[in-house]
Amino acid sequence: MMSILDEDLTGTSSFSPILVVGAGKMAGAILSAWLEPKDGSEGIDPETLYVEDPGSPEDVLDLLAKYDVVPKARQDLPEPPQLVIVGVKPQVIDGVLQDLSTRISSETLVYSIAAGKTLADLAKHLPDRTAIVRAMPNTPVMVQSGMTALIANEFVTESQRALIDSLVAGTGTVAWLDDESQMDAVTAVSGSGPAYIFWLAECLAKAGEGQGLSPELAMTLAKATIDGAGSMMGLFETPPSELRENVTSKGGTTAAALEVLMSDEGLAPLIEAAIEAAAKRSKELSG
């Protein structure tokens, strides 16, 4: 059996083999970043990749076909996987993990992106002392600009942690949590967060239409503005509050708008209520 630190030709280390169980939209987005890395980030060798999901979306199937990876109901691996990505729906994960328990080894790292399933939920269906990392990615991993929060159990080795950190960094920003209870808040802020931004774009465009802009121009303005503002926050270390102040002239148009948005009945209490609702639902899903 290969070591967990299997050296490739470039001198870097990688998991091999890698098994993906459940290659839906999110797992497919992660695989896209790993198979086609950018900016020198760590990728994976498609020859080490095995995918179990005959029902993958067409775009994921196209990606896998590009690298001659054929999804099946169950793969015959040459040896136990050193990394298992679990991307199935929470409703069926128990049975999937029970099947995996007979196919993994003591060197396997199980990496779960199943929403609401805690480390304890995952561990009870796997062999004792199985290394597990629970992840909460968000949809911008599709364009390698995602946010992924991770929590590891006590059996994850430093080598495994470093390797998965390097891989996940290829999908965007990575944050390791110290307390699994933080995952509900993470889910509310970043896991569900892209939907809030998409809704903001819709609202901006609709308001632009109300001021006489065509739907096409209003949406172009909204999308480009959000994209540009996000890029500024990503590129500069300047706090968002300072960036806001830099574009707010006293008595100007931005100040007039912010007077509404920052009022006691403005955006802040709505966002707080939305995050509270999402976090509450996350807790409910976690049992």
C-alpha atoms as a PDB file:
ATOM      1  CA  MET A   1       0.000   0.000   0.000  1.00  0.00           C
ATOM      2  CA  MET A   2       1.230   3.495  -0.847  1.00  0.00           C
ATOM      3  CA  SER A   3       2.116   5.871   1.951  1.00  0.00           C
ATOM      4  CA  ILE A   4      -0.234   8.745   2.781  1.00  0.00           C
ATOM      5  CA  LEU A   5       2.619  10.958   1.576  1.00  0.00           C
ATOM      6  CA  ASP A   6       2.860   9.460  -1.894  1.00  0.00           C
ATOM      7  CA  GLU A   7       5.394  11.591  -3.740  1.00  0.00           C
ATOM      8  CA  ASP A   8       4.532  12.619  -7.310  1.00  0.00           C
ATOM      9  CA  LEU A   9       6.999  13.595 -10.045  1.00  0.00           C
ATOM     10  CA  THR A  10       7.060  17.254  -8.993  1.00  0.00           C
ATOM     11  CA  GLY A  11       8.038  16.447  -5.430  1.00  0.00           C
ATOM     12  CA  THR A  12       4.674  17.359  -3.901  1.00  0.00           C
ATOM     13  CA  SER A  13       2.536  14.969  -1.924  1.00  0.00           C
ATOM     14  CA  SER A  14      -0.972  13.752  -2.638  1.00  0.00           C
ATOM     15  CA  PHE A  15      -3.646  11.288  -1.612  1.00  0.00           C
ATOM     16  CA  SER A  16      -3.884   8.152  -3.753  1.00  0.00           C
ATOM     17  CA  PRO A  17      -6.292   6.618  -4.536  1.00  0.00           C
ATOM     18  CA  ILE A  18      -9.119   9.151  -4.128  1.00  0.00           C
ATOM     19  CA  LEU A  19     -12.723   7.952  -4.004  1.00  0.00           C
ATOM     20  CA  VAL A  20     -15.656  10.323  -4.510  1.00  0.00           C
ATOM     21  CA  VAL A  21     -19.037   8.987  -3.419  1.00  0.00           C
ATOM     22  CA  GLY A  22     -21.747  11.304  -4.661  1.00  0.00           C
ATOM     23  CA  ALA A  23     -20.572  13.677  -7.407  1.00  0.00           C
ATOM     24  CA  GLY A  24     -23.354  16.243  -7.522  1.00  0.00           C
ATOM     25  CA  LYS A  25     -23.052  19.966  -8.166  1.00  0.00           C
ATOM     26  CA  MET A  26     -20.921  20.789  -5.118  1.00  0.00           C
ATOM     27  CA  ALA A  27     -18.622  17.767  -5.333  1.00  0.00           C
ATOM     28  CA  GLY A  28     -18.363  18.368  -9.078  1.00  0.00           C
ATOM     29  CA  ALA A  29     -17.322  21.969  -8.470  1.00  0.00           C
ATOM     30  CA  ILE A  30     -14.640  20.820  -6.047  1.00  0.00           C
ATOM     31  CA  LEU A  31     -13.386  18.231  -8.530  1.00  0.00           C
ATOM     32  CA  SER A  32     -13.234  20.902 -11.226  1.00  0.00           C
ATOM     33  CA  ALA A  33     -10.916  22.990  -9.047  1.00  0.00           C
ATOM     34  CA  TRP A  34      -8.766  19.963  -8.201  1.00  0.00           C
ATOM     35  CA  LEU A  35      -8.535  18.618 -11.749  1.00  0.00           C
ATOM     36  CA  GLU A  36      -7.939  22.047 -13.294  1.00  0.00           C
ATOM     37  CA  PRO A  37      -6.066  24.037 -10.617  1.00  0.00           C
ATOM     38  CA  LYS A  38      -4.994  27.624 -11.164  1.00  0.00           C
ATOM     39  CA  ASP A  39      -2.429  29.963  -9.632  1.00  0.00           C
ATOM     40  CA  GLY A  40      -0.110  27.082  -8.792  1.00  0.00           C
ATOM     41  CA  SER A  41      -2.517  25.509  -6.298  1.00  0.00           C
ATOM     42  CA  GLU A  42      -2.412  21.798  -5.533  1.00  0.00           C
ATOM     43  CA  GLY A  43      -4.328  19.516  -7.884  1.00  0.00           C
ATOM     44  CA  ILE A  44      -4.976  15.795  -8.222  1.00  0.00           C
ATOM     45  CA  ASP A  45      -3.908  13.195 -10.749  1.00  0.00           C
ATOM     46  CA  PRO A  46      -7.054  11.984 -12.561  1.00  0.00           C
ATOM     47  CA  GLU A  47      -5.537   8.516 -12.756  1.00  0.00           C
ATOM     48  CA  THR A  48      -5.896   8.270  -8.960  1.00  0.00           C
ATOM     49  CA  LEU A  49      -9.572   9.347  -9.044  1.00  0.00           C
ATOM     50  CA  TYR A  50     -12.564   7.011  -8.736  1.00  0.00           C
ATOM     51  CA  VAL A  51     -16.150   8.284  -8.727  1.00  0.00           C
ATOM     52  CA  GLU A  52     -19.237   6.444  -7.558  1.00  0.00           C
ATOM     53  CA  ASP A  53     -22.360   8.220  -8.781  1.00  0.00           C
ATOM     54  CA  PRO A  54     -24.068   7.112 -11.985  1.00  0.00           C
ATOM     55  CA  GLY A  55     -26.524  10.003 -11.568  1.00  0.00           C
ATOM     56  CA  SER A  56     -24.059  12.917 -11.720  1.00  0.00           C
ATOM     57  CA  PRO A  57     -25.236  16.116 -13.491  1.00  0.00           C
ATOM     58  CA  GLU A  58     -24.320  16.444 -17.149  1.00  0.00           C
ATOM     59  CA  ASP A  59     -21.704  19.141 -16.571  1.00  0.00           C
ATOM     60  CA  VAL A  60     -19.959  16.944 -14.002  1.00  0.00           C
ATOM     61  CA  LEU A  61     -20.080  13.981 -16.372  1.00  0.00           C
ATOM     62  CA  ASP A  62     -18.526  16.154 -19.087  1.00  0.00           C
ATOM     63  CA  LEU A  63     -15.716  17.193 -16.732  1.00  0.00           C
ATOM     64  CA  LEU A  64     -14.987  13.596 -15.730  1.00  0.00           C
ATOM     65  CA  ALA A  65     -15.126  12.380 -19.328  1.00  0.00           C
ATOM     66  CA  LYS A  66     -12.487  14.957 -20.223  1.00  0.00           C
ATOM     67  CA  TYR A  67     -10.107  13.089 -17.919  1.00  0.00           C
ATOM     68  CA  ASP A  68     -11.363   9.590 -18.767  1.00  0.00           C
ATOM     69  CA  VAL A  69     -12.977   9.126 -15.356  1.00  0.00           C
ATOM     70  CA  VAL A  70     -16.096   6.970 -15.612  1.00  0.00           C
ATOM     71  CA  PRO A  71     -18.575   7.159 -12.699  1.00  0.00           C
ATOM     72  CA  LYS A  72     -20.024   3.829 -11.613  1.00  0.00           C
ATOM     73  CA  ALA A  73     -22.380   2.561  -8.957  1.00  0.00           C
ATOM     74  CA  ARG A  74     -19.393   1.022  -7.188  1.00  0.00           C
ATOM     75  CA  GLN A  75     -15.747   1.096  -8.181  1.00  0.00           C
ATOM     76  CA  ASP A  76     -13.127  -1.620  -7.883  1.00  0.00           C
ATOM     77  CA  LEU A  77     -10.175   0.221  -6.366  1.00  0.00           C
ATOM     78  CA  PRO A  78      -6.655  -1.222  -6.573  1.00  0.00           C
ATOM     79  CA  GLU A  79      -6.309  -0.616  -2.837  1.00  0.00           C
ATOM     80  CA  PRO A  80      -8.255   1.111  -0.049  1.00  0.00           C
ATOM     81  CA  PRO A  81      -8.707   4.836  -0.745  1.00  0.00           C
ATOM     82  CA  GLN A  82      -6.553   7.271   1.188  1.00  0.00           C
ATOM     83  CA  LEU A  83      -9.126  10.014   0.687  1.00  0.00           C
ATOM     84  CA  VAL A  84     -12.904   9.586   0.448  1.00  0.00           C
ATOM     85  CA  ILE A  85     -15.054  12.565  -0.513  1.00  0.00           C
ATOM     86  CA  VAL A  86     -18.602  12.013   0.730  1.00  0.00           C
ATOM     87  CA  GLY A  87     -20.976  14.202  -1.255  1.00  0.00           C
ATOM     88  CA  VAL A  88     -24.258  12.304  -1.001  1.00  0.00           C
ATOM     89  CA  LYS A  89     -27.476  13.750   0.405  1.00  0.00           C
ATOM     90  CA  PRO A  90     -27.781  13.597   4.217  1.00  0.00           C
ATOM     91  CA  GLN A  91     -30.847  11.350   3.911  1.00  0.00           C
ATOM     92  CA  VAL A  92     -28.810   8.469   2.444  1.00  0.00           C
ATOM     93  CA  ILE A  93     -25.416   9.037   4.040  1.00  0.00           C
ATOM     94  CA  ASP A  94     -25.816   6.453   6.813  1.00  0.00           C
ATOM     95  CA  GLY A  95     -26.066   3.569   4.354  1.00  0.00           C
ATOM     96  CA  VAL A  96     -23.185   4.951   2.290  1.00  0.00           C
ATOM     97  CA  LEU A  97     -20.924   5.169   5.326  1.00  0.00           C
ATOM     98  CA  GLN A  98     -21.836   1.657   6.416  1.00  0.00           C
ATOM     99  CA  ASP A  99     -20.726   0.409   2.991  1.00  0.00           C
ATOM    100  CA  LEU A 100     -17.529   2.456   3.175  1.00  0.00           C
ATOM    101  CA  SER A 101     -16.670   1.033   6.581  1.00  0.00           C
ATOM    102  CA  THR A 102     -15.757  -2.275   4.947  1.00  0.00           C
ATOM    103  CA  ARG A 103     -13.683  -0.666   2.185  1.00  0.00           C
ATOM    104  CA  ILE A 104     -11.427   1.852   3.922  1.00  0.00           C
ATOM    105  CA  SER A 105      -8.243   1.387   5.911  1.00  0.00           C
ATOM    106  CA  SER A 106      -6.659   2.978   8.955  1.00  0.00           C
ATOM    107  CA  GLU A 107      -4.889   5.420   6.585  1.00  0.00           C
ATOM    108  CA  THR A 108      -8.109   6.691   4.987  1.00  0.00           C
ATOM    109  CA  LEU A 109      -9.274  10.267   5.519  1.00  0.00           C
ATOM    110  CA  VAL A 110     -13.035  10.707   5.153  1.00  0.00           C
ATOM    111  CA  TYR A 111     -13.940  14.207   3.952  1.00  0.00           C
ATOM    112  CA  SER A 112     -17.648  14.986   4.237  1.00  0.00           C
ATOM    113  CA  ILE A 113     -19.530  17.867   2.604  1.00  0.00           C
ATOM    114  CA  ALA A 114     -22.913  16.523   3.731  1.00  0.00           C
ATOM    115  CA  ALA A 115     -24.870  19.362   5.332  1.00  0.00           C
ATOM    116  CA  GLY A 116     -25.986  18.899   8.910  1.00  0.00           C
ATOM    117  CA  LYS A 117     -24.015  15.719   9.598  1.00  0.00           C
ATOM    118  CA  THR A 118     -21.684  16.156  12.571  1.00  0.00           C
ATOM    119  CA  LEU A 119     -18.373  14.418  13.158  1.00  0.00           C
ATOM    120  CA  ALA A 120     -20.146  12.155  15.651  1.00  0.00           C
ATOM    121  CA  ASP A 121     -22.880  11.339  13.120  1.00  0.00           C
ATOM    122  CA  LEU A 122     -20.238  10.324  10.599  1.00  0.00           C
ATOM    123  CA  ALA A 123     -18.051   8.407  13.037  1.00  0.00           C
ATOM    124  CA  LYS A 124     -20.790   6.106  14.338  1.00  0.00           C
ATOM    125  CA  HIS A 125     -21.002   4.355  10.949  1.00  0.00           C
ATOM    126  CA  LEU A 126     -17.236   4.067  10.403  1.00  0.00           C
ATOM    127  CA  PRO A 127     -14.478   1.993  12.030  1.00  0.00           C
ATOM    128  CA  ASP A 128     -13.093   3.214  15.341  1.00  0.00           C
ATOM    129  CA  ARG A 129     -10.413   5.911  15.049  1.00  0.00           C
ATOM    130  CA  THR A 130     -11.294   6.813  11.447  1.00  0.00           C
ATOM    131  CA  ALA A 131      -9.854  10.204  10.478  1.00  0.00           C
ATOM    132  CA  ILE A 132     -12.738  12.527   9.522  1.00  0.00           C
ATOM    133  CA  VAL A 133     -12.906  16.115   8.287  1.00  0.00           C
ATOM    134  CA  ARG A 134     -16.288  17.814   8.055  1.00  0.00           C
ATOM    135  CA  ALA A 135     -16.504  20.671   5.548  1.00  0.00           C
ATOM    136  CA  MET A 136     -18.905  23.496   4.750  1.00  0.00           C
ATOM    137  CA  PRO A 137     -18.044  24.831   1.287  1.00  0.00           C
ATOM    138  CA  ASN A 138     -20.112  27.330  -0.656  1.00  0.00           C
ATOM    139  CA  THR A 139     -21.006  27.504  -4.331  1.00  0.00           C
ATOM    140  CA  PRO A 140     -18.221  29.917  -5.449  1.00  0.00           C
ATOM    141  CA  VAL A 141     -15.882  26.921  -5.242  1.00  0.00           C
ATOM    142  CA  MET A 142     -17.224  26.440  -8.791  1.00  0.00           C
ATOM    143  CA  VAL A 143     -15.019  29.360  -9.868  1.00  0.00           C
ATOM    144  CA  GLN A 144     -12.251  28.628  -7.340  1.00  0.00           C
ATOM    145  CA  SER A 145     -13.337  31.609  -5.234  1.00  0.00           C
ATOM    146  CA  GLY A 146     -15.197  29.693  -2.564  1.00  0.00           C
ATOM    147  CA  MET A 147     -15.142  29.747   1.211  1.00  0.00           C
ATOM    148  CA  THR A 148     -14.726  26.431   3.010  1.00  0.00           C
ATOM    149  CA  ALA A 149     -14.788  25.941   6.769  1.00  0.00           C
ATOM    150  CA  LEU A 150     -13.276  22.713   8.116  1.00  0.00           C
ATOM    151  CA  ILE A 151     -13.361  20.844  11.401  1.00  0.00           C
ATOM    152  CA  ALA A 152     -11.288  17.707  12.039  1.00  0.00           C
ATOM    153  CA  ASN A 153     -11.669  14.950  14.583  1.00  0.00           C
ATOM    154  CA  GLU A 154      -8.801  13.917  16.818  1.00  0.00           C
ATOM    155  CA  PHE A 155      -7.678  11.103  14.528  1.00  0.00           C
ATOM    156  CA  VAL A 156      -6.677  13.328  11.588  1.00  0.00           C
ATOM    157  CA  THR A 157      -2.889  13.360  11.338  1.00  0.00           C
ATOM    158  CA  GLU A 158      -0.813  16.454  10.658  1.00  0.00           C
ATOM    159  CA  SER A 159       0.078  15.042   7.243  1.00  0.00           C
ATOM    160  CA  GLN A 160      -3.570  14.479   6.354  1.00  0.00           C
ATOM    161  CA  ARG A 161      -4.510  17.923   7.596  1.00  0.00           C
ATOM    162  CA  ALA A 162      -1.766  19.575   5.546  1.00  0.00           C
ATOM    163  CA  LEU A 163      -2.700  17.656   2.398  1.00  0.00           C
ATOM    164  CA  ILE A 164      -6.420  18.384   2.592  1.00  0.00           C
ATOM    165  CA  ASP A 165      -5.696  22.024   3.449  1.00  0.00           C
ATOM    166  CA  SER A 166      -3.577  22.308   0.305  1.00  0.00           C
ATOM    167  CA  LEU A 167      -6.258  20.723  -1.858  1.00  0.00           C
ATOM    168  CA  VAL A 168      -9.134  22.764  -0.451  1.00  0.00           C
ATOM    169  CA  ALA A 169      -7.094  25.968  -0.852  1.00  0.00           C
ATOM    170  CA  GLY A 170      -7.345  25.322  -4.584  1.00  0.00           C
ATOM    171  CA  THR A 171     -11.093  26.039  -4.348  1.00  0.00           C
ATOM    172  CA  GLY A 172     -10.736  29.377  -2.540  1.00  0.00           C
ATOM    173  CA  THR A 173     -10.324  30.475   1.083  1.00  0.00           C
ATOM    174  CA  VAL A 174      -9.983  27.933   3.908  1.00  0.00           C
ATOM    175  CA  ALA A 175     -10.767  28.369   7.614  1.00  0.00           C
ATOM    176  CA  TRP A 176     -10.227  25.679  10.253  1.00  0.00           C
ATOM    177  CA  LEU A 177     -12.655  25.737  13.171  1.00  0.00           C
ATOM    178  CA  ASP A 178     -11.758  24.994  16.773  1.00  0.00           C
ATOM    179  CA  ASP A 179     -15.317  24.168  17.846  1.00  0.00           C
ATOM    180  CA  GLU A 180     -17.826  22.231  15.764  1.00  0.00           C
ATOM    181  CA  SER A 181     -20.684  24.268  17.225  1.00  0.00           C
ATOM    182  CA  GLN A 182     -19.385  27.158  15.089  1.00  0.00           C
ATOM    183  CA  MET A 183     -20.461  25.266  11.964  1.00  0.00           C
ATOM    184  CA  ASP A 184     -24.070  26.455  12.274  1.00  0.00           C
ATOM    185  CA  ALA A 185     -22.994  30.091  12.168  1.00  0.00           C
ATOM    186  CA  VAL A 186     -20.565  29.336   9.336  1.00  0.00           C
ATOM    187  CA  THR A 187     -23.404  27.725   7.400  1.00  0.00           C
ATOM    188  CA  ALA A 188     -25.577  30.788   7.942  1.00  0.00           C
ATOM    189  CA  VAL A 189     -22.900  33.315   6.943  1.00  0.00           C
ATOM    190  CA  SER A 190     -20.877  31.690   4.161  1.00  0.00           C
ATOM    191  CA  GLY A 191     -22.607  28.434   3.287  1.00  0.00           C
ATOM    192  CA  SER A 192     -25.897  30.156   2.502  1.00  0.00           C
ATOM    193  CA  GLY A 193     -24.288  33.567   1.979  1.00  0.00           C
ATOM    194  CA  PRO A 194     -23.942  33.507  -1.823  1.00  0.00           C
ATOM    195  CA  ALA A 195     -27.738  33.339  -2.122  1.00  0.00           C
ATOM    196  CA  TYR A 196     -27.992  36.585  -0.162  1.00  0.00           C
ATOM    197  CA  ILE A 197     -25.602  38.280  -2.580  1.00  0.00           C
ATOM    198  CA  PHE A 198     -27.503  36.960  -5.583  1.00  0.00           C
ATOM    199  CA  TRP A 199     -30.702  38.352  -4.060  1.00  0.00           C
ATOM    200  CA  LEU A 200     -28.974  41.692  -3.531  1.00  0.00           C
ATOM    201  CA  ALA A 201     -28.103  41.719  -7.241  1.00  0.00           C
ATOM    202  CA  GLU A 202     -31.729  41.042  -8.087  1.00  0.00           C
ATOM    203  CA  CYS A 203     -32.875  43.847  -5.784  1.00  0.00           C
ATOM    204  CA  LEU A 204     -30.358  46.342  -7.156  1.00  0.00           C
ATOM    205  CA  ALA A 205     -31.368  45.543 -10.721  1.00  0.00           C
ATOM    206  CA  LYS A 206     -35.064  45.807  -9.920  1.00  0.00           C
ATOM    207  CA  ALA A 207     -34.524  49.162  -8.234  1.00  0.00           C
ATOM    208  CA  GLY A 208     -32.543  50.323 -11.271  1.00  0.00           C
ATOM    209  CA  GLU A 209     -35.456  49.386 -13.493  1.00  0.00           C
ATOM    210  CA  GLY A 210     -37.675  51.469 -11.218  1.00  0.00           C
ATOM    211  CA  GLN A 211     -35.444  54.446 -11.997  1.00  0.00           C
ATOM    212  CA  GLY A 212     -35.887  53.981 -15.729  1.00  0.00           C
ATOM    213  CA  LEU A 213     -33.046  51.636 -16.707  1.00  0.00           C
ATOM    214  CA  SER A 214     -33.629  48.729 -19.053  1.00  0.00           C
ATOM    215  CA  PRO A 215     -33.654  45.294 -17.352  1.00  0.00           C
ATOM    216  CA  GLU A 216     -30.475  44.309 -19.229  1.00  0.00           C
ATOM    217  CA  LEU A 217     -28.527  47.430 -18.259  1.00  0.00           C
ATOM    218  CA  ALA A 218     -29.786  47.349 -14.672  1.00  0.00           C
ATOM    219  CA  MET A 219     -28.627  43.748 -14.215  1.00  0.00           C
ATOM    220  CA  THR A 220     -25.269  44.455 -15.868  1.00  0.00           C
ATOM    221  CA  LEU A 221     -24.688  47.343 -13.466  1.00  0.00           C
ATOM    222  CA  ALA A 222     -25.745  45.284 -10.434  1.00  0.00           C
ATOM    223  CA  LYS A 223     -23.596  42.260 -11.267  1.00  0.00           C
ATOM    224  CA  ALA A 224     -20.509  44.269 -12.201  1.00  0.00           C
ATOM    225  CA  THR A 225     -20.787  46.415  -9.071  1.00  0.00           C
ATOM    226  CA  ILE A 226     -21.042  43.431  -6.738  1.00  0.00           C
ATOM    227  CA  ASP A 227     -18.235  41.631  -8.558  1.00  0.00           C
ATOM    228  CA  GLY A 228     -15.977  44.690  -8.407  1.00  0.00           C
ATOM    229  CA  ALA A 229     -16.684  45.415  -4.750  1.00  0.00           C
ATOM    230  CA  GLY A 230     -16.013  41.781  -3.853  1.00  0.00           C
ATOM    231  CA  SER A 231     -12.733  41.858  -5.750  1.00  0.00           C
ATOM    232  CA  MET A 232     -11.650  44.970  -3.853  1.00  0.00           C
ATOM    233  CA  MET A 233     -12.342  43.309  -0.509  1.00  0.00           C
ATOM    234  CA  GLY A 234     -10.392  40.261  -1.650  1.00  0.00           C
ATOM    235  CA  LEU A 235      -7.395  42.175  -2.994  1.00  0.00           C
ATOM    236  CA  PHE A 236      -6.985  44.811  -0.309  1.00  0.00           C
ATOM    237  CA  GLU A 237      -6.467  44.328   3.421  1.00  0.00           C
ATOM    238  CA  THR A 238      -8.511  47.471   4.037  1.00  0.00           C
ATOM    239  CA  PRO A 239     -11.531  46.721   6.280  1.00  0.00           C
ATOM    240  CA  PRO A 240     -14.916  46.899   4.502  1.00  0.00           C
ATOM    241  CA  SER A 241     -15.952  49.743   6.793  1.00  0.00           C
ATOM    242  CA  GLU A 242     -13.019  51.825   5.560  1.00  0.00           C
ATOM    243  CA  LEU A 243     -13.719  50.958   1.927  1.00  0.00           C
ATOM    244  CA  ARG A 244     -17.292  52.123   2.499  1.00  0.00           C
ATOM    245  CA  GLU A 245     -16.149  55.380   4.069  1.00  0.00           C
ATOM    246  CA  ASN A 246     -13.727  55.981   1.184  1.00  0.00           C
ATOM    247  CA  VAL A 247     -16.579  56.119  -1.326  1.00  0.00           C
ATOM    248  CA  THR A 248     -19.002  58.059   0.864  1.00  0.00           C
ATOM    249  CA  SER A 249     -18.752  61.805   0.370  1.00  0.00           C
ATOM    250  CA  LYS A 250     -20.524  63.951   2.923  1.00  0.00           C
ATOM    251  CA  GLY A 251     -23.844  65.103   1.500  1.00  0.00           C
ATOM    252  CA  GLY A 252     -23.415  62.969  -1.643  1.00  0.00           C
ATOM    253  CA  THR A 253     -25.502  60.288  -3.301  1.00  0.00           C
ATOM    254  CA  THR A 254     -23.848  57.362  -1.463  1.00  0.00           C
ATOM    255  CA  ALA A 255     -24.428  59.073   1.882  1.00  0.00           C
ATOM    256  CA  ALA A 256     -28.103  59.524   1.028  1.00  0.00           C
ATOM    257  CA  ALA A 257     -28.478  55.827   0.257  1.00  0.00           C
ATOM    258  CA  LEU A 258     -26.534  54.701   3.327  1.00  0.00           C
ATOM    259  CA  GLU A 259     -28.710  56.851   5.546  1.00  0.00           C
ATOM    260  CA  VAL A 260     -31.548  54.519   4.584  1.00  0.00           C
ATOM    261  CA  LEU A 261     -29.552  51.271   4.649  1.00  0.00           C
ATOM    262  CA  MET A 262     -27.870  52.031   7.986  1.00  0.00           C
ATOM    263  CA  SER A 263     -30.973  53.232   9.806  1.00  0.00           C
ATOM    264  CA  ASP A 264     -32.438  51.304  12.738  1.00  0.00           C
ATOM    265  CA  GLU A 265     -34.936  49.747  10.323  1.00  0.00           C
ATOM    266  CA  GLY A 266     -32.337  49.266   7.584  1.00  0.00           C
ATOM    267  CA  LEU A 267     -30.194  46.415   6.346  1.00  0.00           C
ATOM    268  CA  ALA A 268     -28.341  45.417   9.543  1.00  0.00           C
ATOM    269  CA  PRO A 269     -31.344  44.089  11.495  1.00  0.00           C
ATOM    270  CA  LEU A 270     -32.588  42.235   8.401  1.00  0.00           C
ATOM    271  CA  ILE A 271     -29.217  40.551   7.916  1.00  0.00           C
ATOM    272  CA  GLU A 272     -29.051  39.671  11.611  1.00  0.00           C
ATOM    273  CA  ALA A 273     -32.516  38.109  11.468  1.00  0.00           C
ATOM    274  CA  ALA A 274     -31.635  36.199   8.283  1.00  0.00           C
ATOM    275  CA  ILE A 275     -28.422  34.784   9.778  1.00  0.00           C
ATOM    276  CA  GLU A 276     -30.270  33.824  12.952  1.00  0.00           C
ATOM    277  CA  ALA A 277     -32.926  31.978  10.910  1.00  0.00           C
ATOM    278  CA  ALA A 278     -30.325  30.127   8.840  1.00  0.00           C
ATOM    279  CA  ALA A 279     -28.271  29.156  11.913  1.00  0.00           C
ATOM    280  CA  LYS A 280     -31.404  27.902  13.669  1.00  0.00           C
ATOM    281  CA  ARG A 281     -32.301  25.753  10.677  1.00  0.00           C
ATOM    282  CA  SER A 282     -28.749  24.402  10.544  1.00  0.00           C
ATOM    283  CA  LYS A 283     -29.040  23.336  14.181  1.00  0.00           C
ATOM    284  CA  GLU A 284     -32.360  21.621  13.410  1.00  0.00           C
ATOM    285  CA  LEU A 285     -30.827  19.719  10.494  1.00  0.00           C
ATOM    286  CA  SER A 286     -27.932  18.620  12.704  1.00  0.00           C
ATOM    287  CA  GLY A 287     -30.377  17.139  15.173  1.00  0.00           C
END
